[in-house]
C-alpha cells in the first residue's frame, strides 16, 4: 500500500510562518507531481501549490510570493513553506501526489489525511 502523511500544522499568529511536510511511503515505484490543497469550513478543496518531478511549480494567486513548495525526491517528501500567514489561510491542508505503486503500471492520485493550520491572534 501507498500512503501520504502530513505534519507541521498548528496555530500561528498573523504574519508568522509554518512549514508543512508530507512523506510518501509504501511500495512506491515512482512519484510524479506532488502538491498541496486546502479546505476551509464550508468551502471547496482548492489547489495551493504543485511541483512536478522536474521541479516546475505553480501556485494559487492567493499565496504567490508568500508560500514556497519544494520536494526531496530521495526522501519522497514534499514541503510547503508558508510565510506572512493571514487569517484567511486557515484551513485543513492536504497533501496530494501522483504515485505509481511498484505492483502497478498505472499512476493514481493519493491524498494524505490533512493537517490543520490556524492563523489567529
C-alpha atoms as a PDB file:
ATOM      1  CA  UNK A   1       0.000   0.000   0.000  1.00  0.00           C
ATOM      2  CA  UNK A   2       0.960   3.603  -0.521  1.00  0.00           C
ATOM      3  CA  UNK A   3       0.219   6.385   1.925  1.00  0.00           C
ATOM      4  CA  UNK A   4       0.893  10.089   2.417  1.00  0.00           C
ATOM      5  CA  UNK A   5       1.385  11.508   5.900  1.00  0.00           C
ATOM      6  CA  UNK A   6       1.415  15.253   6.579  1.00  0.00           C
ATOM      7  CA  UNK A   7       2.920  17.054   9.538  1.00  0.00           C
ATOM      8  CA  UNK A   8       3.748  20.577  10.639  1.00  0.00           C
ATOM      9  CA  UNK A   9       0.338  22.173  11.059  1.00  0.00           C
ATOM     10  CA  UNK A  10      -0.658  24.176  14.091  1.00  0.00           C
ATOM     11  CA  UNK A  11      -1.681  27.531  15.475  1.00  0.00           C
ATOM     12  CA  UNK A  12       0.282  30.608  14.416  1.00  0.00           C
ATOM     13  CA  UNK A  13      -0.232  34.347  14.722  1.00  0.00           C
ATOM     14  CA  UNK A  14      -0.850  36.512  11.660  1.00  0.00           C
ATOM     15  CA  UNK A  15       2.442  37.305   9.963  1.00  0.00           C
ATOM     16  CA  UNK A  16       4.015  34.116  11.248  1.00  0.00           C
ATOM     17  CA  UNK A  17       5.406  31.099   9.421  1.00  0.00           C
ATOM     18  CA  UNK A  18       4.851  27.364   9.299  1.00  0.00           C
ATOM     19  CA  UNK A  19       6.451  24.560   7.322  1.00  0.00           C
ATOM     20  CA  UNK A  20       4.357  21.597   6.284  1.00  0.00           C
ATOM     21  CA  UNK A  21       5.870  18.255   5.320  1.00  0.00           C
ATOM     22  CA  UNK A  22       4.362  15.275   3.559  1.00  0.00           C
ATOM     23  CA  UNK A  23       6.104  11.914   3.284  1.00  0.00           C
ATOM     24  CA  UNK A  24       5.056   9.221   0.830  1.00  0.00           C
ATOM     25  CA  UNK A  25       5.702   5.666   1.979  1.00  0.00           C
ATOM     26  CA  UNK A  26       4.928   2.113   0.963  1.00  0.00           C
ATOM     27  CA  UNK A  27       5.613   0.162  -2.193  1.00  0.00           C
ATOM     28  CA  UNK A  28       6.407   3.144  -4.388  1.00  0.00           C
ATOM     29  CA  UNK A  29       7.546   2.717  -7.949  1.00  0.00           C
ATOM     30  CA  UNK A  30       7.671   6.365  -8.958  1.00  0.00           C
ATOM     31  CA  UNK A  31       6.197   9.728  -7.964  1.00  0.00           C
ATOM     32  CA  UNK A  32       5.063  12.333 -10.464  1.00  0.00           C
ATOM     33  CA  UNK A  33       3.628  15.665  -9.363  1.00  0.00           C
ATOM     34  CA  UNK A  34       3.244  16.470  -5.657  1.00  0.00           C
ATOM     35  CA  UNK A  35       1.105  19.228  -4.276  1.00  0.00           C
ATOM     36  CA  UNK A  36      -0.853  20.856  -1.503  1.00  0.00           C
ATOM     37  CA  UNK A  37      -4.542  21.654  -1.342  1.00  0.00           C
ATOM     38  CA  UNK A  38      -6.536  23.322   1.387  1.00  0.00           C
ATOM     39  CA  UNK A  39     -10.117  23.308   2.520  1.00  0.00           C
ATOM     40  CA  UNK A  40     -11.710  25.822   4.853  1.00  0.00           C
ATOM     41  CA  UNK A  41     -15.037  25.070   6.611  1.00  0.00           C
ATOM     42  CA  UNK A  42     -17.903  25.286   4.155  1.00  0.00           C
ATOM     43  CA  UNK A  43     -15.550  25.732   1.215  1.00  0.00           C
ATOM     44  CA  UNK A  44     -14.311  23.525  -1.587  1.00  0.00           C
ATOM     45  CA  UNK A  45     -10.862  21.956  -1.569  1.00  0.00           C
ATOM     46  CA  UNK A  46      -8.601  24.218  -3.637  1.00  0.00           C
ATOM     47  CA  UNK A  47      -5.108  23.871  -5.035  1.00  0.00           C
ATOM     48  CA  UNK A  48      -2.467  25.817  -3.114  1.00  0.00           C
ATOM     49  CA  UNK A  49       0.717  24.760  -4.904  1.00  0.00           C
ATOM     50  CA  UNK A  50       2.050  21.966  -7.068  1.00  0.00           C
ATOM     51  CA  UNK A  51       5.502  20.807  -8.090  1.00  0.00           C
ATOM     52  CA  UNK A  52       6.403  18.432 -10.916  1.00  0.00           C
ATOM     53  CA  UNK A  53       9.088  15.760 -10.838  1.00  0.00           C
ATOM     54  CA  UNK A  54      11.428  18.187 -12.609  1.00  0.00           C
ATOM     55  CA  UNK A  55      10.692  20.968 -10.089  1.00  0.00           C
ATOM     56  CA  UNK A  56       8.318  23.109 -12.123  1.00  0.00           C
ATOM     57  CA  UNK A  57       5.973  24.884  -9.737  1.00  0.00           C
ATOM     58  CA  UNK A  58       2.652  26.660  -9.816  1.00  0.00           C
ATOM     59  CA  UNK A  59       0.781  28.499  -7.097  1.00  0.00           C
ATOM     60  CA  UNK A  60      -2.653  29.860  -6.476  1.00  0.00           C
ATOM     61  CA  UNK A  61      -2.774  33.637  -6.779  1.00  0.00           C
ATOM     62  CA  UNK A  62      -3.680  33.968  -3.110  1.00  0.00           C
ATOM     63  CA  UNK A  63      -0.362  32.503  -1.912  1.00  0.00           C
ATOM     64  CA  UNK A  64       2.106  33.665  -4.574  1.00  0.00           C
ATOM     65  CA  UNK A  65       5.089  35.385  -3.023  1.00  0.00           C
ATOM     66  CA  UNK A  66       4.282  34.030   0.462  1.00  0.00           C
ATOM     67  CA  UNK A  67       4.357  30.230   0.087  1.00  0.00           C
ATOM     68  CA  UNK A  68       7.108  28.065  -1.410  1.00  0.00           C
ATOM     69  CA  UNK A  69       6.730  24.436  -2.422  1.00  0.00           C
ATOM     70  CA  UNK A  70       9.739  22.139  -2.708  1.00  0.00           C
ATOM     71  CA  UNK A  71      10.465  18.434  -2.790  1.00  0.00           C
ATOM     72  CA  UNK A  72      13.180  15.983  -1.818  1.00  0.00           C
ATOM     73  CA  UNK A  73      12.935  13.047  -4.200  1.00  0.00           C
ATOM     74  CA  UNK A  74      15.400  10.956  -2.208  1.00  0.00           C
ATOM     75  CA  UNK A  75      13.068  11.194   0.792  1.00  0.00           C
ATOM     76  CA  UNK A  76       9.772  11.033  -1.139  1.00  0.00           C
ATOM     77  CA  UNK A  77       8.849  14.241   0.635  1.00  0.00           C
ATOM     78  CA  UNK A  78       7.163  17.482  -0.362  1.00  0.00           C
ATOM     79  CA  UNK A  79       7.306  20.649   1.722  1.00  0.00           C
ATOM     80  CA  UNK A  80       5.257  23.818   1.905  1.00  0.00           C
ATOM     81  CA  UNK A  81       6.962  26.804   3.484  1.00  0.00           C
ATOM     82  CA  UNK A  82       4.287  29.302   4.468  1.00  0.00           C
ATOM     83  CA  UNK A  83       5.334  32.847   5.365  1.00  0.00           C
ATOM     84  CA  UNK A  84       3.390  36.023   6.134  1.00  0.00           C
ATOM     85  CA  UNK A  85       0.398  33.931   7.127  1.00  0.00           C
ATOM     86  CA  UNK A  86      -3.038  35.536   7.164  1.00  0.00           C
ATOM     87  CA  UNK A  87      -6.249  34.516   8.948  1.00  0.00           C
ATOM     88  CA  UNK A  88      -7.705  33.602   5.561  1.00  0.00           C
ATOM     89  CA  UNK A  89      -5.018  30.912   5.226  1.00  0.00           C
ATOM     90  CA  UNK A  90      -6.775  28.985   7.998  1.00  0.00           C
ATOM     91  CA  UNK A  91      -7.806  25.594   6.631  1.00  0.00           C
ATOM     92  CA  UNK A  92      -7.064  21.895   6.620  1.00  0.00           C
ATOM     93  CA  UNK A  93      -4.103  21.360   4.304  1.00  0.00           C
ATOM     94  CA  UNK A  94      -3.964  18.158   2.285  1.00  0.00           C
ATOM     95  CA  UNK A  95      -1.022  16.605   0.513  1.00  0.00           C
ATOM     96  CA  UNK A  96      -1.663  15.098  -2.930  1.00  0.00           C
ATOM     97  CA  UNK A  97       0.611  13.148  -5.237  1.00  0.00           C
ATOM     98  CA  UNK A  98       0.548  11.070  -8.390  1.00  0.00           C
ATOM     99  CA  UNK A  99       2.172   7.771  -7.440  1.00  0.00           C
ATOM    100  CA  UNK A 100       2.773   4.592  -9.371  1.00  0.00           C
ATOM    101  CA  UNK A 101       2.973   1.673  -6.944  1.00  0.00           C
ATOM    102  CA  UNK A 102       5.643  -0.945  -7.624  1.00  0.00           C
ATOM    103  CA  UNK A 103       2.987  -3.513  -8.398  1.00  0.00           C
ATOM    104  CA  UNK A 104       1.240  -1.387 -10.998  1.00  0.00           C
ATOM    105  CA  UNK A 105       1.951   0.188 -14.376  1.00  0.00           C
ATOM    106  CA  UNK A 106      -0.524   2.998 -13.671  1.00  0.00           C
ATOM    107  CA  UNK A 107      -0.128   6.089 -11.514  1.00  0.00           C
ATOM    108  CA  UNK A 108      -3.013   7.129  -9.272  1.00  0.00           C
ATOM    109  CA  UNK A 109      -3.791  10.196  -7.209  1.00  0.00           C
ATOM    110  CA  UNK A 110      -3.193   9.740  -3.488  1.00  0.00           C
ATOM    111  CA  UNK A 111      -4.229  12.003  -0.611  1.00  0.00           C
ATOM    112  CA  UNK A 112      -2.991  12.500   2.914  1.00  0.00           C
ATOM    113  CA  UNK A 113      -5.284  12.748   5.922  1.00  0.00           C
ATOM    114  CA  UNK A 114      -4.855  16.506   6.270  1.00  0.00           C
ATOM    115  CA  UNK A 115      -3.250  18.807   8.816  1.00  0.00           C
ATOM    116  CA  UNK A 116      -4.950  21.797  10.429  1.00  0.00           C
ATOM    117  CA  UNK A 117      -3.428  25.249  10.025  1.00  0.00           C
ATOM    118  CA  UNK A 118      -4.992  28.013  12.102  1.00  0.00           C
ATOM    119  CA  UNK A 119      -3.874  31.618  11.786  1.00  0.00           C
ATOM    120  CA  UNK A 120      -5.210  33.695  14.647  1.00  0.00           C
ATOM    121  CA  UNK A 121      -4.115  36.195  17.258  1.00  0.00           C
END
